[in-house]
Amino acid sequence: GDKWYVKYEVIGNPPNVAVPTHFFKV
């Protein structure tokens, strides 16, 4: 819509590890 959000999945049971939206290489 007209707003920005940072959203990412978290895997594990219970949830434990964040799933990045992107990856970088410099």
mmCIF file of all heavy atoms, coordinates in Angstrom:
data_MODEL
# 
_entry.id   MODEL 
# 
loop_
_atom_site.group_PDB 
_atom_site.id 
_atom_site.type_symbol 
_atom_site.label_atom_id 
_atom_site.label_alt_id 
_atom_site.label_comp_id 
_atom_site.label_asym_id 
_atom_site.label_entity_id 
_atom_site.label_seq_id 
_atom_site.pdbx_PDB_ins_code 
_atom_site.Cartn_x 
_atom_site.Cartn_y 
_atom_site.Cartn_z 
_atom_site.occupancy 
_atom_site.B_iso_or_equiv 
_atom_site.pdbx_formal_charge 
_atom_site.auth_seq_id 
_atom_site.auth_comp_id 
_atom_site.auth_asym_id 
_atom_site.auth_atom_id 
_atom_site.pdbx_PDB_model_num 
ATOM 1   N N   . GLY A 1 1  ? 0.840  -1.192  0.000  1.00 0.00 ? 1  GLY A N   1 
ATOM 2   C CA  . GLY A 1 1  ? 0.000  0.000   0.000  1.00 0.00 ? 1  GLY A CA  1 
ATOM 3   C C   . GLY A 1 1  ? 0.873  1.239   0.000  1.00 0.00 ? 1  GLY A C   1 
ATOM 4   O O   . GLY A 1 1  ? 1.765  1.377   -0.829 1.00 0.00 ? 1  GLY A O   1 
ATOM 5   N N   . ASP A 1 2  ? 0.649  2.131   0.955  1.00 0.00 ? 2  ASP A N   1 
ATOM 6   C CA  . ASP A 1 2  ? 1.462  3.345   1.031  1.00 0.00 ? 2  ASP A CA  1 
ATOM 7   C C   . ASP A 1 2  ? 2.456  3.291   2.180  1.00 0.00 ? 2  ASP A C   1 
ATOM 8   O O   . ASP A 1 2  ? 3.033  4.309   2.575  1.00 0.00 ? 2  ASP A O   1 
ATOM 9   C CB  . ASP A 1 2  ? 0.574  4.576   1.166  1.00 0.00 ? 2  ASP A CB  1 
ATOM 10  C CG  . ASP A 1 2  ? -0.304 4.534   2.418  1.00 0.00 ? 2  ASP A CG  1 
ATOM 11  O OD1 . ASP A 1 2  ? -0.350 3.469   3.078  1.00 0.00 ? 2  ASP A OD1 1 
ATOM 12  O OD2 . ASP A 1 2  ? -0.945 5.565   2.740  1.00 0.00 ? 2  ASP A OD2 1 
ATOM 13  N N   . LYS A 1 3  ? 2.677  2.083   2.735  1.00 0.00 ? 3  LYS A N   1 
ATOM 14  C CA  . LYS A 1 3  ? 3.613  1.934   3.853  1.00 0.00 ? 3  LYS A CA  1 
ATOM 15  C C   . LYS A 1 3  ? 4.669  0.881   3.538  1.00 0.00 ? 3  LYS A C   1 
ATOM 16  O O   . LYS A 1 3  ? 4.474  0.020   2.687  1.00 0.00 ? 3  LYS A O   1 
ATOM 17  C CB  . LYS A 1 3  ? 2.862  1.554   5.135  1.00 0.00 ? 3  LYS A CB  1 
ATOM 18  C CG  . LYS A 1 3  ? 1.899  2.632   5.622  1.00 0.00 ? 3  LYS A CG  1 
ATOM 19  C CD  . LYS A 1 3  ? 1.263  2.253   6.935  1.00 0.00 ? 3  LYS A CD  1 
ATOM 20  C CE  . LYS A 1 3  ? 0.335  3.356   7.437  1.00 0.00 ? 3  LYS A CE  1 
ATOM 21  N NZ  . LYS A 1 3  ? -0.288 3.012   8.740  1.00 0.00 ? 3  LYS A NZ  1 
ATOM 22  N N   . TRP A 1 4  ? 5.788  0.983   4.255  1.00 0.00 ? 4  TRP A N   1 
ATOM 23  C CA  . TRP A 1 4  ? 6.885  0.038   4.085  1.00 0.00 ? 4  TRP A CA  1 
ATOM 24  C C   . TRP A 1 4  ? 6.999  -0.840  5.325  1.00 0.00 ? 4  TRP A C   1 
ATOM 25  O O   . TRP A 1 4  ? 6.852  -0.368  6.455  1.00 0.00 ? 4  TRP A O   1 
ATOM 26  C CB  . TRP A 1 4  ? 8.198  0.789   3.880  1.00 0.00 ? 4  TRP A CB  1 
ATOM 27  C CG  . TRP A 1 4  ? 8.276  1.507   2.570  1.00 0.00 ? 4  TRP A CG  1 
ATOM 28  C CD1 . TRP A 1 4  ? 7.773  2.748   2.279  1.00 0.00 ? 4  TRP A CD1 1 
ATOM 29  C CD2 . TRP A 1 4  ? 8.873  1.023   1.361  1.00 0.00 ? 4  TRP A CD2 1 
ATOM 30  N NE1 . TRP A 1 4  ? 8.018  3.071   0.971  1.00 0.00 ? 4  TRP A NE1 1 
ATOM 31  C CE2 . TRP A 1 4  ? 8.702  2.032   0.380  1.00 0.00 ? 4  TRP A CE2 1 
ATOM 32  C CE3 . TRP A 1 4  ? 9.543  -0.145  1.012  1.00 0.00 ? 4  TRP A CE3 1 
ATOM 33  C CZ2 . TRP A 1 4  ? 9.180  1.901   -0.921 1.00 0.00 ? 4  TRP A CZ2 1 
ATOM 34  C CZ3 . TRP A 1 4  ? 10.013 -0.283  -0.276 1.00 0.00 ? 4  TRP A CZ3 1 
ATOM 35  C CH2 . TRP A 1 4  ? 9.834  0.734   -1.238 1.00 0.00 ? 4  TRP A CH2 1 
ATOM 36  N N   . TYR A 1 5  ? 7.255  -2.120  5.095  1.00 0.00 ? 5  TYR A N   1 
ATOM 37  C CA  . TYR A 1 5  ? 7.368  -3.073  6.200  1.00 0.00 ? 5  TYR A CA  1 
ATOM 38  C C   . TYR A 1 5  ? 8.598  -3.958  5.995  1.00 0.00 ? 5  TYR A C   1 
ATOM 39  O O   . TYR A 1 5  ? 8.961  -4.283  4.863  1.00 0.00 ? 5  TYR A O   1 
ATOM 40  C CB  . TYR A 1 5  ? 6.142  -3.983  6.266  1.00 0.00 ? 5  TYR A CB  1 
ATOM 41  C CG  . TYR A 1 5  ? 4.838  -3.270  6.537  1.00 0.00 ? 5  TYR A CG  1 
ATOM 42  C CD1 . TYR A 1 5  ? 4.074  -2.767  5.485  1.00 0.00 ? 5  TYR A CD1 1 
ATOM 43  C CD2 . TYR A 1 5  ? 4.356  -3.118  7.834  1.00 0.00 ? 5  TYR A CD2 1 
ATOM 44  C CE1 . TYR A 1 5  ? 2.874  -2.112  5.719  1.00 0.00 ? 5  TYR A CE1 1 
ATOM 45  C CE2 . TYR A 1 5  ? 3.155  -2.472  8.077  1.00 0.00 ? 5  TYR A CE2 1 
ATOM 46  C CZ  . TYR A 1 5  ? 2.416  -1.978  7.022  1.00 0.00 ? 5  TYR A CZ  1 
ATOM 47  O OH  . TYR A 1 5  ? 1.226  -1.341  7.258  1.00 0.00 ? 5  TYR A OH  1 
ATOM 48  N N   . VAL A 1 6  ? 9.211  -4.337  7.101  1.00 0.00 ? 6  VAL A N   1 
ATOM 49  C CA  . VAL A 1 6  ? 10.231 -5.388  7.067  1.00 0.00 ? 6  VAL A CA  1 
ATOM 50  C C   . VAL A 1 6  ? 9.575  -6.655  7.596  1.00 0.00 ? 6  VAL A C   1 
ATOM 51  O O   . VAL A 1 6  ? 9.175  -6.714  8.761  1.00 0.00 ? 6  VAL A O   1 
ATOM 52  C CB  . VAL A 1 6  ? 11.460 -5.032  7.926  1.00 0.00 ? 6  VAL A CB  1 
ATOM 53  C CG1 . VAL A 1 6  ? 12.435 -6.210  7.955  1.00 0.00 ? 6  VAL A CG1 1 
ATOM 54  C CG2 . VAL A 1 6  ? 12.158 -3.799  7.382  1.00 0.00 ? 6  VAL A CG2 1 
ATOM 55  N N   . LYS A 1 7  ? 9.401  -7.628  6.713  1.00 0.00 ? 7  LYS A N   1 
ATOM 56  C CA  . LYS A 1 7  ? 8.773  -8.890  7.088  1.00 0.00 ? 7  LYS A CA  1 
ATOM 57  C C   . LYS A 1 7  ? 9.654  -10.047 6.650  1.00 0.00 ? 7  LYS A C   1 
ATOM 58  O O   . LYS A 1 7  ? 10.173 -10.052 5.529  1.00 0.00 ? 7  LYS A O   1 
ATOM 59  C CB  . LYS A 1 7  ? 7.399  -9.033  6.430  1.00 0.00 ? 7  LYS A CB  1 
ATOM 60  C CG  . LYS A 1 7  ? 6.354  -8.051  6.929  1.00 0.00 ? 7  LYS A CG  1 
ATOM 61  C CD  . LYS A 1 7  ? 5.000  -8.323  6.271  1.00 0.00 ? 7  LYS A CD  1 
ATOM 62  C CE  . LYS A 1 7  ? 3.931  -7.377  6.787  1.00 0.00 ? 7  LYS A CE  1 
ATOM 63  N NZ  . LYS A 1 7  ? 2.598  -7.651  6.175  1.00 0.00 ? 7  LYS A NZ  1 
ATOM 64  N N   . TYR A 1 8  ? 9.839  -11.007 7.534  1.00 0.00 ? 8  TYR A N   1 
ATOM 65  C CA  . TYR A 1 8  ? 10.590 -12.208 7.169  1.00 0.00 ? 8  TYR A CA  1 
ATOM 66  C C   . TYR A 1 8  ? 10.056 -13.396 7.967  1.00 0.00 ? 8  TYR A C   1 
ATOM 67  O O   . TYR A 1 8  ? 9.549  -13.259 9.086  1.00 0.00 ? 8  TYR A O   1 
ATOM 68  C CB  . TYR A 1 8  ? 12.089 -12.025 7.418  1.00 0.00 ? 8  TYR A CB  1 
ATOM 69  C CG  . TYR A 1 8  ? 12.461 -11.562 8.817  1.00 0.00 ? 8  TYR A CG  1 
ATOM 70  C CD1 . TYR A 1 8  ? 12.598 -12.471 9.878  1.00 0.00 ? 8  TYR A CD1 1 
ATOM 71  C CD2 . TYR A 1 8  ? 12.682 -10.211 9.080  1.00 0.00 ? 8  TYR A CD2 1 
ATOM 72  C CE1 . TYR A 1 8  ? 12.948 -12.051 11.143 1.00 0.00 ? 8  TYR A CE1 1 
ATOM 73  C CE2 . TYR A 1 8  ? 13.029 -9.773  10.350 1.00 0.00 ? 8  TYR A CE2 1 
ATOM 74  C CZ  . TYR A 1 8  ? 13.164 -10.694 11.371 1.00 0.00 ? 8  TYR A CZ  1 
ATOM 75  O OH  . TYR A 1 8  ? 13.499 -10.270 12.638 1.00 0.00 ? 8  TYR A OH  1 
ATOM 76  N N   . GLU A 1 9  ? 10.160 -14.539 7.342  1.00 0.00 ? 9  GLU A N   1 
ATOM 77  C CA  . GLU A 1 9  ? 9.731  -15.779 7.970  1.00 0.00 ? 9  GLU A CA  1 
ATOM 78  C C   . GLU A 1 9  ? 10.743 -16.188 9.036  1.00 0.00 ? 9  GLU A C   1 
ATOM 79  O O   . GLU A 1 9  ? 11.921 -15.819 8.971  1.00 0.00 ? 9  GLU A O   1 
ATOM 80  C CB  . GLU A 1 9  ? 9.613  -16.868 6.898  1.00 0.00 ? 9  GLU A CB  1 
ATOM 81  C CG  . GLU A 1 9  ? 9.035  -18.191 7.386  1.00 0.00 ? 9  GLU A CG  1 
ATOM 82  C CD  . GLU A 1 9  ? 8.908  -19.207 6.262  1.00 0.00 ? 9  GLU A CD  1 
ATOM 83  O OE1 . GLU A 1 9  ? 9.062  -18.821 5.083  1.00 0.00 ? 9  GLU A OE1 1 
ATOM 84  O OE2 . GLU A 1 9  ? 8.666  -20.386 6.572  1.00 0.00 ? 9  GLU A OE2 1 
ATOM 85  N N   . VAL A 1 10 ? 10.287 -16.949 10.008 1.00 0.00 ? 10 VAL A N   1 
ATOM 86  C CA  . VAL A 1 10 ? 11.179 -17.529 11.022 1.00 0.00 ? 10 VAL A CA  1 
ATOM 87  C C   . VAL A 1 10 ? 10.915 -19.025 11.052 1.00 0.00 ? 10 VAL A C   1 
ATOM 88  O O   . VAL A 1 10 ? 9.779  -19.462 11.219 1.00 0.00 ? 10 VAL A O   1 
ATOM 89  C CB  . VAL A 1 10 ? 10.944 -16.912 12.418 1.00 0.00 ? 10 VAL A CB  1 
ATOM 90  C CG1 . VAL A 1 10 ? 11.925 -17.497 13.429 1.00 0.00 ? 10 VAL A CG1 1 
ATOM 91  C CG2 . VAL A 1 10 ? 11.092 -15.389 12.363 1.00 0.00 ? 10 VAL A CG2 1 
ATOM 92  N N   . ILE A 1 11 ? 11.969 -19.823 10.855 1.00 0.00 ? 11 ILE A N   1 
ATOM 93  C CA  . ILE A 1 11 ? 11.813 -21.276 10.815 1.00 0.00 ? 11 ILE A CA  1 
ATOM 94  C C   . ILE A 1 11 ? 12.205 -21.898 12.149 1.00 0.00 ? 11 ILE A C   1 
ATOM 95  O O   . ILE A 1 11 ? 12.922 -21.310 12.951 1.00 0.00 ? 11 ILE A O   1 
ATOM 96  C CB  . ILE A 1 11 ? 12.636 -21.905 9.661  1.00 0.00 ? 11 ILE A CB  1 
ATOM 97  C CG1 . ILE A 1 11 ? 14.125 -21.595 9.835  1.00 0.00 ? 11 ILE A CG1 1 
ATOM 98  C CG2 . ILE A 1 11 ? 12.119 -21.420 8.324  1.00 0.00 ? 11 ILE A CG2 1 
ATOM 99  C CD1 . ILE A 1 11 ? 15.018 -22.332 8.835  1.00 0.00 ? 11 ILE A CD1 1 
ATOM 100 N N   . GLY A 1 12 ? 11.730 -23.121 12.337 1.00 0.00 ? 12 GLY A N   1 
ATOM 101 C CA  . GLY A 1 12 ? 11.985 -23.844 13.579 1.00 0.00 ? 12 GLY A CA  1 
ATOM 102 C C   . GLY A 1 12 ? 10.714 -23.989 14.380 1.00 0.00 ? 12 GLY A C   1 
ATOM 103 O O   . GLY A 1 12 ? 9.744  -23.259 14.192 1.00 0.00 ? 12 GLY A O   1 
ATOM 104 N N   . ASN A 1 13 ? 10.708 -24.944 15.281 1.00 0.00 ? 13 ASN A N   1 
ATOM 105 C CA  . ASN A 1 13 ? 9.561  -25.172 16.154 1.00 0.00 ? 13 ASN A CA  1 
ATOM 106 C C   . ASN A 1 13 ? 10.071 -25.467 17.569 1.00 0.00 ? 13 ASN A C   1 
ATOM 107 O O   . ASN A 1 13 ? 10.489 -26.566 17.844 1.00 0.00 ? 13 ASN A O   1 
ATOM 108 C CB  . ASN A 1 13 ? 8.719  -26.346 15.641 1.00 0.00 ? 13 ASN A CB  1 
ATOM 109 C CG  . ASN A 1 13 ? 7.427  -26.516 16.418 1.00 0.00 ? 13 ASN A CG  1 
ATOM 110 O OD1 . ASN A 1 13 ? 7.009  -25.600 17.128 1.00 0.00 ? 13 ASN A OD1 1 
ATOM 111 N ND2 . ASN A 1 13 ? 6.811  -27.684 16.318 1.00 0.00 ? 13 ASN A ND2 1 
ATOM 112 N N   . PRO A 1 14 ? 10.057 -24.430 18.437 1.00 0.00 ? 14 PRO A N   1 
ATOM 113 C CA  . PRO A 1 14 ? 9.508  -23.075 18.261 1.00 0.00 ? 14 PRO A CA  1 
ATOM 114 C C   . PRO A 1 14 ? 10.343 -22.255 17.277 1.00 0.00 ? 14 PRO A C   1 
ATOM 115 O O   . PRO A 1 14 ? 11.500 -22.593 17.010 1.00 0.00 ? 14 PRO A O   1 
ATOM 116 C CB  . PRO A 1 14 ? 9.561  -22.498 19.672 1.00 0.00 ? 14 PRO A CB  1 
ATOM 117 C CG  . PRO A 1 14 ? 10.700 -23.216 20.322 1.00 0.00 ? 14 PRO A CG  1 
ATOM 118 C CD  . PRO A 1 14 ? 10.651 -24.611 19.783 1.00 0.00 ? 14 PRO A CD  1 
ATOM 119 N N   . PRO A 1 15 ? 9.760  -21.165 16.735 1.00 0.00 ? 15 PRO A N   1 
ATOM 120 C CA  . PRO A 1 15 ? 10.473 -20.349 15.751 1.00 0.00 ? 15 PRO A CA  1 
ATOM 121 C C   . PRO A 1 15 ? 11.829 -19.884 16.289 1.00 0.00 ? 15 PRO A C   1 
ATOM 122 O O   . PRO A 1 15 ? 11.914 -19.390 17.420 1.00 0.00 ? 15 PRO A O   1 
ATOM 123 C CB  . PRO A 1 15 ? 9.530  -19.161 15.528 1.00 0.00 ? 15 PRO A CB  1 
ATOM 124 C CG  . PRO A 1 15 ? 8.177  -19.691 15.908 1.00 0.00 ? 15 PRO A CG  1 
ATOM 125 C CD  . PRO A 1 15 ? 8.408  -20.641 17.031 1.00 0.00 ? 15 PRO A CD  1 
ATOM 126 N N   . ASN A 1 16 ? 12.877 -20.018 15.463 1.00 0.00 ? 16 ASN A N   1 
ATOM 127 C CA  . ASN A 1 16 ? 14.211 -19.773 15.985 1.00 0.00 ? 16 ASN A CA  1 
ATOM 128 C C   . ASN A 1 16 ? 15.142 -19.044 15.013 1.00 0.00 ? 16 ASN A C   1 
ATOM 129 O O   . ASN A 1 16 ? 15.921 -18.193 15.430 1.00 0.00 ? 16 ASN A O   1 
ATOM 130 C CB  . ASN A 1 16 ? 14.853 -21.113 16.384 1.00 0.00 ? 16 ASN A CB  1 
ATOM 131 C CG  . ASN A 1 16 ? 16.109 -20.947 17.194 1.00 0.00 ? 16 ASN A CG  1 
ATOM 132 O OD1 . ASN A 1 16 ? 16.143 -20.154 18.144 1.00 0.00 ? 16 ASN A OD1 1 
ATOM 133 N ND2 . ASN A 1 16 ? 17.154 -21.674 16.840 1.00 0.00 ? 16 ASN A ND2 1 
ATOM 134 N N   . VAL A 1 17 ? 15.086 -19.370 13.719 1.00 0.00 ? 17 VAL A N   1 
ATOM 135 C CA  . VAL A 1 17 ? 16.042 -18.840 12.745 1.00 0.00 ? 17 VAL A CA  1 
ATOM 136 C C   . VAL A 1 17 ? 15.316 -17.954 11.724 1.00 0.00 ? 17 VAL A C   1 
ATOM 137 O O   . VAL A 1 17 ? 14.372 -18.403 11.065 1.00 0.00 ? 17 VAL A O   1 
ATOM 138 C CB  . VAL A 1 17 ? 16.783 -19.977 12.009 1.00 0.00 ? 17 VAL A CB  1 
ATOM 139 C CG1 . VAL A 1 17 ? 17.710 -19.428 10.937 1.00 0.00 ? 17 VAL A CG1 1 
ATOM 140 C CG2 . VAL A 1 17 ? 17.570 -20.835 13.005 1.00 0.00 ? 17 VAL A CG2 1 
ATOM 141 N N   . ALA A 1 18 ? 15.766 -16.710 11.604 1.00 0.00 ? 18 ALA A N   1 
ATOM 142 C CA  . ALA A 1 18 ? 15.165 -15.775 10.652 1.00 0.00 ? 18 ALA A CA  1 
ATOM 143 C C   . ALA A 1 18 ? 15.537 -16.153 9.226  1.00 0.00 ? 18 ALA A C   1 
ATOM 144 O O   . ALA A 1 18 ? 16.644 -16.632 8.963  1.00 0.00 ? 18 ALA A O   1 
ATOM 145 C CB  . ALA A 1 18 ? 15.628 -14.354 10.953 1.00 0.00 ? 18 ALA A CB  1 
ATOM 146 N N   . VAL A 1 19 ? 14.600 -15.931 8.303  1.00 0.00 ? 19 VAL A N   1 
ATOM 147 C CA  . VAL A 1 19 ? 14.849 -16.168 6.875  1.00 0.00 ? 19 VAL A CA  1 
ATOM 148 C C   . VAL A 1 19 ? 15.098 -14.816 6.215  1.00 0.00 ? 19 VAL A C   1 
ATOM 149 O O   . VAL A 1 19 ? 14.177 -13.996 6.107  1.00 0.00 ? 19 VAL A O   1 
ATOM 150 C CB  . VAL A 1 19 ? 13.657 -16.874 6.204  1.00 0.00 ? 19 VAL A CB  1 
ATOM 151 C CG1 . VAL A 1 19 ? 13.946 -17.071 4.711  1.00 0.00 ? 19 VAL A CG1 1 
ATOM 152 C CG2 . VAL A 1 19 ? 13.375 -18.210 6.883  1.00 0.00 ? 19 VAL A CG2 1 
ATOM 153 N N   . PRO A 1 20 ? 16.326 -14.543 5.780  1.00 0.00 ? 20 PRO A N   1 
ATOM 154 C CA  . PRO A 1 20 ? 16.627 -13.241 5.173  1.00 0.00 ? 20 PRO A CA  1 
ATOM 155 C C   . PRO A 1 20 ? 15.810 -12.999 3.912  1.00 0.00 ? 20 PRO A C   1 
ATOM 156 O O   . PRO A 1 20 ? 15.465 -13.930 3.177  1.00 0.00 ? 20 PRO A O   1 
ATOM 157 C CB  . PRO A 1 20 ? 18.127 -13.345 4.846  1.00 0.00 ? 20 PRO A CB  1 
ATOM 158 C CG  . PRO A 1 20 ? 18.643 -14.408 5.779  1.00 0.00 ? 20 PRO A CG  1 
ATOM 159 C CD  . PRO A 1 20 ? 17.524 -15.386 5.910  1.00 0.00 ? 20 PRO A CD  1 
ATOM 160 N N   . THR A 1 21 ? 15.528 -11.734 3.653  1.00 0.00 ? 21 THR A N   1 
ATOM 161 C CA  . THR A 1 21 ? 14.819 -11.375 2.419  1.00 0.00 ? 21 THR A CA  1 
ATOM 162 C C   . THR A 1 21 ? 15.787 -11.293 1.245  1.00 0.00 ? 21 THR A C   1 
ATOM 163 O O   . THR A 1 21 ? 15.397 -11.496 0.098  1.00 0.00 ? 21 THR A O   1 
ATOM 164 C CB  . THR A 1 21 ? 14.105 -10.026 2.563  1.00 0.00 ? 21 THR A CB  1 
ATOM 165 O OG1 . THR A 1 21 ? 15.079 -8.984  2.757  1.00 0.00 ? 21 THR A OG1 1 
ATOM 166 C CG2 . THR A 1 21 ? 13.144 -10.047 3.747  1.00 0.00 ? 21 THR A CG2 1 
ATOM 167 N N   . HIS A 1 22 ? 17.054 -10.971 1.528  1.00 0.00 ? 22 HIS A N   1 
ATOM 168 C CA  . HIS A 1 22 ? 18.072 -10.789 0.505  1.00 0.00 ? 22 HIS A CA  1 
ATOM 169 C C   . HIS A 1 22 ? 19.430 -11.261 1.041  1.00 0.00 ? 22 HIS A C   1 
ATOM 170 O O   . HIS A 1 22 ? 19.592 -11.478 2.253  1.00 0.00 ? 22 HIS A O   1 
ATOM 171 C CB  . HIS A 1 22 ? 18.200 -9.310  0.099  1.00 0.00 ? 22 HIS A CB  1 
ATOM 172 C CG  . HIS A 1 22 ? 17.003 -8.748  -0.587 1.00 0.00 ? 22 HIS A CG  1 
ATOM 173 N ND1 . HIS A 1 22 ? 15.817 -8.519  0.076  1.00 0.00 ? 22 HIS A ND1 1 
ATOM 174 C CD2 . HIS A 1 22 ? 16.804 -8.353  -1.883 1.00 0.00 ? 22 HIS A CD2 1 
ATOM 175 C CE1 . HIS A 1 22 ? 14.930 -8.002  -0.775 1.00 0.00 ? 22 HIS A CE1 1 
ATOM 176 N NE2 . HIS A 1 22 ? 15.503 -7.899  -1.968 1.00 0.00 ? 22 HIS A NE2 1 
ATOM 177 N N   . PHE A 1 23 ? 20.380 -11.376 0.135  1.00 0.00 ? 23 PHE A N   1 
ATOM 178 C CA  . PHE A 1 23 ? 21.770 -11.661 0.509  1.00 0.00 ? 23 PHE A CA  1 
ATOM 179 C C   . PHE A 1 23 ? 22.702 -10.744 -0.268 1.00 0.00 ? 23 PHE A C   1 
ATOM 180 O O   . PHE A 1 23 ? 22.415 -10.381 -1.412 1.00 0.00 ? 23 PHE A O   1 
ATOM 181 C CB  . PHE A 1 23 ? 22.132 -13.123 0.211  1.00 0.00 ? 23 PHE A CB  1 
ATOM 182 C CG  . PHE A 1 23 ? 21.464 -14.094 1.134  1.00 0.00 ? 23 PHE A CG  1 
ATOM 183 C CD1 . PHE A 1 23 ? 20.250 -14.668 0.798  1.00 0.00 ? 23 PHE A CD1 1 
ATOM 184 C CD2 . PHE A 1 23 ? 22.034 -14.420 2.354  1.00 0.00 ? 23 PHE A CD2 1 
ATOM 185 C CE1 . PHE A 1 23 ? 19.616 -15.553 1.652  1.00 0.00 ? 23 PHE A CE1 1 
ATOM 186 C CE2 . PHE A 1 23 ? 21.411 -15.294 3.222  1.00 0.00 ? 23 PHE A CE2 1 
ATOM 187 C CZ  . PHE A 1 23 ? 20.205 -15.873 2.873  1.00 0.00 ? 23 PHE A CZ  1 
ATOM 188 N N   . PHE A 1 24 ? 23.800 -10.375 0.369  1.00 0.00 ? 24 PHE A N   1 
ATOM 189 C CA  . PHE A 1 24 ? 24.785 -9.525  -0.300 1.00 0.00 ? 24 PHE A CA  1 
ATOM 190 C C   . PHE A 1 24 ? 26.118 -10.245 -0.453 1.00 0.00 ? 24 PHE A C   1 
ATOM 191 O O   . PHE A 1 24 ? 26.454 -11.153 0.308  1.00 0.00 ? 24 PHE A O   1 
ATOM 192 C CB  . PHE A 1 24 ? 24.990 -8.206  0.463  1.00 0.00 ? 24 PHE A CB  1 
ATOM 193 C CG  . PHE A 1 24 ? 25.677 -8.357  1.805  1.00 0.00 ? 24 PHE A CG  1 
ATOM 194 C CD1 . PHE A 1 24 ? 27.068 -8.459  1.907  1.00 0.00 ? 24 PHE A CD1 1 
ATOM 195 C CD2 . PHE A 1 24 ? 24.947 -8.370  2.983  1.00 0.00 ? 24 PHE A CD2 1 
ATOM 196 C CE1 . PHE A 1 24 ? 27.700 -8.582  3.139  1.00 0.00 ? 24 PHE A CE1 1 
ATOM 197 C CE2 . PHE A 1 24 ? 25.557 -8.498  4.228  1.00 0.00 ? 24 PHE A CE2 1 
ATOM 198 C CZ  . PHE A 1 24 ? 26.941 -8.601  4.304  1.00 0.00 ? 24 PHE A CZ  1 
ATOM 199 N N   . LYS A 1 25 ? 26.843 -9.842  -1.471 1.00 0.00 ? 25 LYS A N   1 
ATOM 200 C CA  . LYS A 1 25 ? 28.263 -10.158 -1.614 1.00 0.00 ? 25 LYS A CA  1 
ATOM 201 C C   . LYS A 1 25 ? 28.970 -8.858  -1.986 1.00 0.00 ? 25 LYS A C   1 
ATOM 202 O O   . LYS A 1 25 ? 28.592 -8.192  -2.954 1.00 0.00 ? 25 LYS A O   1 
ATOM 203 C CB  . LYS A 1 25 ? 28.521 -11.214 -2.687 1.00 0.00 ? 25 LYS A CB  1 
ATOM 204 C CG  . LYS A 1 25 ? 28.318 -12.641 -2.207 1.00 0.00 ? 25 LYS A CG  1 
ATOM 205 C CD  . LYS A 1 25 ? 28.831 -13.659 -3.211 1.00 0.00 ? 25 LYS A CD  1 
ATOM 206 C CE  . LYS A 1 25 ? 28.544 -15.078 -2.744 1.00 0.00 ? 25 LYS A CE  1 
ATOM 207 N NZ  . LYS A 1 25 ? 29.352 -15.472 -1.585 1.00 0.00 ? 25 LYS A NZ  1 
ATOM 208 N N   . VAL A 1 26 ? 29.971 -8.492  -1.203 1.00 0.00 ? 26 VAL A N   1 
ATOM 209 C CA  . VAL A 1 26 ? 30.795 -7.331  -1.482 1.00 0.00 ? 26 VAL A CA  1 
ATOM 210 C C   . VAL A 1 26 ? 32.200 -7.833  -1.769 1.00 0.00 ? 26 VAL A C   1 
ATOM 211 O O   . VAL A 1 26 ? 32.772 -8.592  -0.978 1.00 0.00 ? 26 VAL A O   1 
ATOM 212 C CB  . VAL A 1 26 ? 30.785 -6.342  -0.301 1.00 0.00 ? 26 VAL A CB  1 
ATOM 213 C CG1 . VAL A 1 26 ? 31.721 -5.175  -0.584 1.00 0.00 ? 26 VAL A CG1 1 
ATOM 214 C CG2 . VAL A 1 26 ? 29.375 -5.833  -0.048 1.00 0.00 ? 26 VAL A CG2 1 
# 
